[in-house]
Amino acid sequence: MSTNASPPTPRSDLRASNRRTAFVLATIAATFFVGIIGSRFIGGQTTGLSILGIAVLLFLVVAIGRNLSDKR
């Protein structure tokens, strides 16, 4: 099977970077919405905010870790 893969152009690299950034921002927004809805079901504001804070912290650790591992 022969594929004619062309080298990535600067424009396609920019588009891929924009998609990754949009995905990260959408994931952050979804995390906040799910955390707020979850805090309503749990009942306590302190518990809900703690869960939301932990989720955001874990997301940032994973996102930064992936970014750092890509640079190596």
Protein backbone atom coordinates (compact mmCIF):
# COMPACT_ATOMS: atom_id res chain seq x y z
CA MET A 1 0.00 0.00 0.00
CA SER A 2 1.59 3.23 -1.13
CA THR A 3 0.81 6.51 0.57
CA ASN A 4 1.75 9.89 -0.74
CA ALA A 5 2.26 11.70 2.53
CA SER A 6 3.34 15.28 2.06
CA PRO A 7 5.48 16.98 4.67
CA PRO A 8 3.52 19.16 7.10
CA THR A 9 3.29 22.78 6.09
CA PRO A 10 3.51 25.65 8.56
CA ARG A 11 -0.18 26.32 8.02
CA SER A 12 -1.18 22.74 8.87
CA ASP A 13 1.06 22.87 11.96
CA LEU A 14 -0.67 26.06 13.07
CA ARG A 15 -4.09 24.51 12.50
CA ALA A 16 -3.14 21.42 14.54
CA SER A 17 -1.82 23.64 17.33
CA ASN A 18 -5.05 25.66 17.32
CA ARG A 19 -7.09 22.46 17.57
CA ARG A 20 -5.06 21.23 20.53
CA THR A 21 -5.47 24.59 22.28
CA ALA A 22 -9.22 24.61 21.63
CA PHE A 23 -9.49 21.06 22.98
CA VAL A 24 -7.62 21.99 26.17
CA LEU A 25 -9.79 25.07 26.74
CA ALA A 26 -13.00 23.10 26.08
CA THR A 27 -11.84 20.43 28.53
CA ILE A 28 -11.21 23.06 31.21
CA ALA A 29 -14.69 24.52 30.68
CA ALA A 30 -16.26 21.05 30.83
CA THR A 31 -14.37 20.32 34.05
CA PHE A 32 -15.81 23.44 35.66
CA PHE A 33 -19.36 22.65 34.52
CA VAL A 34 -19.18 19.05 35.70
CA GLY A 35 -17.65 20.16 38.99
CA ILE A 36 -20.40 22.70 39.62
CA ILE A 37 -23.16 20.24 38.74
CA GLY A 38 -21.49 17.58 40.88
CA SER A 39 -21.27 19.95 43.83
CA ARG A 40 -25.02 20.51 43.59
CA PHE A 41 -25.67 16.77 43.78
CA ILE A 42 -23.24 16.25 46.66
CA GLY A 43 -24.92 19.03 48.58
CA GLY A 44 -22.05 20.74 50.33
CA GLN A 45 -20.37 23.77 48.84
CA THR A 46 -17.08 23.06 50.57
CA THR A 47 -16.99 19.47 49.34
CA GLY A 48 -17.98 20.48 45.83
CA LEU A 49 -15.33 23.18 45.62
CA SER A 50 -12.71 20.80 46.99
CA ILE A 51 -13.55 18.22 44.34
CA LEU A 52 -13.52 20.90 41.66
CA GLY A 53 -10.15 22.21 42.84
CA ILE A 54 -8.62 18.73 42.87
CA ALA A 55 -9.96 18.03 39.36
CA VAL A 56 -8.51 21.27 37.99
CA LEU A 57 -5.17 20.64 39.72
CA LEU A 58 -4.94 17.11 38.29
CA PHE A 59 -5.87 18.37 34.83
CA LEU A 60 -3.14 21.02 34.97
CA VAL A 61 -0.56 18.49 36.15
CA VAL A 62 -1.43 16.15 33.28
CA ALA A 63 -1.48 18.96 30.69
CA ILE A 64 1.84 20.42 31.84
CA GLY A 65 3.39 16.96 32.10
CA ARG A 66 2.37 16.10 28.53
CA ASN A 67 3.75 19.41 27.30
CA LEU A 68 7.07 18.86 29.03
CA SER A 69 7.40 15.28 27.82
CA ASP A 70 6.79 16.41 24.21
CA LYS A 71 9.76 18.80 24.42
CA ARG A 72 12.26 16.02 25.16
